[in-house]
Protein backbone atom coordinates (compact mmCIF):
# COMPACT_ATOMS: atom_id res chain seq x y z
CA MET A 1 -112.60 -18.61 -6.06
CA GLN A 2 -115.20 -16.16 -4.86
CA GLY A 3 -118.28 -17.32 -3.03
CA TYR A 4 -121.53 -15.47 -2.65
CA GLU A 5 -123.17 -14.32 0.53
CA LYS A 6 -126.46 -12.46 0.29
CA VAL A 7 -126.55 -9.54 2.68
CA SER A 8 -129.28 -7.10 3.58
CA VAL A 9 -128.46 -3.41 3.63
CA ARG A 10 -129.94 -1.20 6.33
CA GLY A 11 -129.33 2.15 7.93
CA VAL A 12 -126.74 2.36 10.68
CA ARG A 13 -127.99 2.02 14.24
CA GLU A 14 -126.44 3.80 17.20
CA HIS A 15 -125.03 0.59 18.69
CA ASP A 16 -123.35 -0.23 15.33
CA GLU A 17 -120.85 2.63 15.48
CA ALA A 18 -118.34 0.95 17.79
CA LEU A 19 -118.54 -2.23 15.70
CA LEU A 20 -117.95 -0.28 12.48
CA PHE A 21 -114.99 1.54 13.98
CA ALA A 22 -113.50 -1.78 15.10
CA LEU A 23 -114.19 -3.28 11.67
CA ALA A 24 -112.32 -0.42 9.97
CA GLY A 25 -109.36 -0.99 12.28
CA GLU A 26 -109.42 -4.74 11.64
CA ALA A 27 -109.62 -4.28 7.87
CA TYR A 28 -107.06 -1.50 7.44
CA GLY A 29 -105.12 -1.11 10.66
CA ASP A 30 -102.79 1.90 10.55
CA GLN A 31 -103.43 2.47 6.82
CA LEU A 32 -106.77 4.12 7.63
CA PRO A 33 -106.30 6.88 10.23
CA ALA A 34 -108.75 6.61 13.12
CA GLY A 35 -109.67 10.28 12.78
CA GLU A 36 -110.75 9.73 9.18
CA THR A 37 -112.99 6.83 10.16
CA VAL A 38 -114.56 8.83 12.99
CA ALA A 39 -115.20 11.76 10.63
CA VAL A 40 -116.81 9.51 8.02
CA LEU A 41 -118.97 7.63 10.51
CA THR A 42 -120.23 10.84 12.12
CA ARG A 43 -120.67 13.02 9.00
CA ALA A 44 -121.80 10.63 6.28
CA GLN A 45 -124.96 8.64 5.79
CA VAL A 46 -123.89 5.12 6.67
CA PHE A 47 -125.55 1.90 5.53
CA VAL A 48 -124.63 -1.49 6.93
CA ALA A 49 -124.43 -4.85 5.14
CA GLU A 50 -125.80 -7.44 7.52
CA ALA A 51 -125.23 -11.16 7.01
CA ALA A 52 -127.99 -13.71 7.58
CA ASP A 53 -126.59 -14.48 11.05
CA GLY A 54 -126.82 -10.78 12.03
CA GLU A 55 -123.07 -10.17 11.78
CA ILE A 56 -121.99 -6.91 10.16
CA ALA A 57 -120.36 -7.84 6.85
CA GLY A 58 -119.40 -4.28 5.86
CA TYR A 59 -120.67 -0.77 5.34
CA VAL A 60 -120.84 2.05 2.85
CA ALA A 61 -120.65 5.73 3.85
CA LEU A 62 -122.29 8.20 1.44
CA VAL A 63 -122.18 11.99 1.21
CA ASP A 64 -124.64 14.14 -0.77
CA GLU A 65 -122.59 16.63 -2.79
CA GLY A 66 -125.29 18.33 -4.83
CA VAL A 67 -125.66 16.44 -8.11
CA ASP A 68 -123.08 13.87 -7.00
CA LEU A 69 -123.37 11.13 -4.43
CA CYS A 70 -119.90 10.42 -3.07
CA ILE A 71 -118.86 7.07 -1.66
CA ARG A 72 -116.54 8.12 1.18
CA GLN A 73 -115.85 4.60 2.43
CA LEU A 74 -116.91 1.17 1.28
CA LEU A 75 -115.51 -1.42 3.63
CA VAL A 76 -115.99 -5.17 3.91
CA ALA A 77 -115.15 -7.16 7.04
CA PRO A 78 -112.12 -9.40 6.51
CA SER A 79 -114.25 -12.46 7.33
CA HIS A 80 -116.61 -11.59 4.45
CA VAL A 81 -114.07 -10.70 1.73
CA ASP A 82 -114.42 -12.70 -1.50
CA ARG A 83 -118.14 -13.23 -0.92
CA ARG A 84 -119.28 -10.40 -3.18
CA VAL A 85 -120.34 -8.16 -0.30
CA GLU A 86 -118.36 -5.29 -1.86
CA GLN A 87 -120.35 -5.62 -5.09
CA GLN A 88 -123.67 -5.70 -3.23
CA LEU A 89 -122.82 -2.57 -1.24
CA CYS A 90 -121.72 -0.75 -4.38
CA GLU A 91 -124.86 -1.81 -6.29
CA TRP A 92 -126.97 -0.68 -3.35
CA ALA A 93 -125.25 2.74 -3.30
CA GLU A 94 -125.73 3.14 -7.06
CA GLY A 95 -129.42 2.23 -6.75
CA TYR A 96 -129.77 4.67 -3.88
CA ALA A 97 -128.24 7.40 -6.08
CA VAL A 98 -130.56 6.63 -9.00
CA SER A 99 -133.65 6.60 -6.77
CA ARG A 100 -132.72 10.04 -5.42
CA HIS A 101 -131.98 11.49 -8.86
CA PHE A 102 -128.27 12.14 -8.49
CA ASP A 103 -126.37 12.69 -11.77
CA ARG A 104 -123.25 10.77 -10.74
CA VAL A 105 -121.72 8.52 -8.15
CA ARG A 106 -118.21 9.60 -7.30
CA VAL A 107 -115.55 7.78 -5.34
CA ASP A 108 -112.23 9.20 -4.18
CA VAL A 109 -109.62 6.50 -4.69
CA GLY A 110 -105.97 7.29 -4.97
CA GLU A 111 -103.65 6.23 -7.76
CA ASP A 112 -101.97 3.84 -5.32
CA GLU A 113 -105.26 2.07 -4.49
CA LEU A 114 -104.98 -0.24 -7.48
CA ARG A 115 -107.36 -2.99 -6.36
CA GLU A 116 -110.06 -0.44 -5.56
CA ARG A 117 -109.56 1.40 -8.87
CA ILE A 118 -109.88 -1.84 -10.83
CA PHE A 119 -113.04 -2.77 -8.91
CA TYR A 120 -114.75 0.53 -9.77
CA GLN A 121 -113.45 0.67 -13.34
CA ARG A 122 -114.92 -2.79 -13.99
CA ARG A 123 -118.25 -1.34 -12.88
CA GLY A 124 -117.99 1.44 -15.48
CA TYR A 125 -116.47 4.22 -13.40
CA VAL A 126 -114.12 6.54 -15.28
CA ALA A 127 -111.27 8.76 -14.08
CA THR A 128 -111.96 12.40 -13.30
CA ARG A 129 -109.59 15.34 -13.58
CA ALA A 130 -109.54 15.57 -9.79
CA GLY A 131 -108.09 12.06 -9.62
CA GLY A 132 -111.09 10.10 -8.39
CA LEU A 133 -113.55 8.00 -10.34
CA GLU A 134 -117.16 8.63 -11.27
CA LEU A 135 -120.12 6.83 -12.76
CA ALA A 136 -122.66 8.80 -14.78
CA LEU A 137 -126.18 7.70 -13.90
CA PRO A 138 -129.13 7.38 -16.26
CA ALA A 139 -131.42 10.40 -16.46
CA PRO A 140 -134.77 9.83 -14.75
CA ASP A 141 -137.70 9.00 -17.03
CA GLU A 142 -139.96 11.95 -17.58
């Protein structure tokens, strides 16, 4: 059964980077190449989910791609899995996209990433021709 842990989301701080890199290694090990994590953490806008005790519960890395906001990585610390941190980070990213007038949120998940695909599809994301998933966002009120 899933629990719930309220987290606060904030921008990444310089001293967080080593912790985020270690968290990615802890969560995915060899399945997530170190070079990919370094590229994401240095090239994307990264936002951290912080638990009430100050521990990093996860992060989301976002890239502005014109009318699309792309979620490059959304990662939850193994000690915070099943506490709805993933949902909070995703909701935060979607709200961020709406507030900045993006048309869509896109996420690149492979066909073999079944758990991730189901997570996003339950949130309303649909498959794209390129193989990823996307969520159309509401048009801003005029």
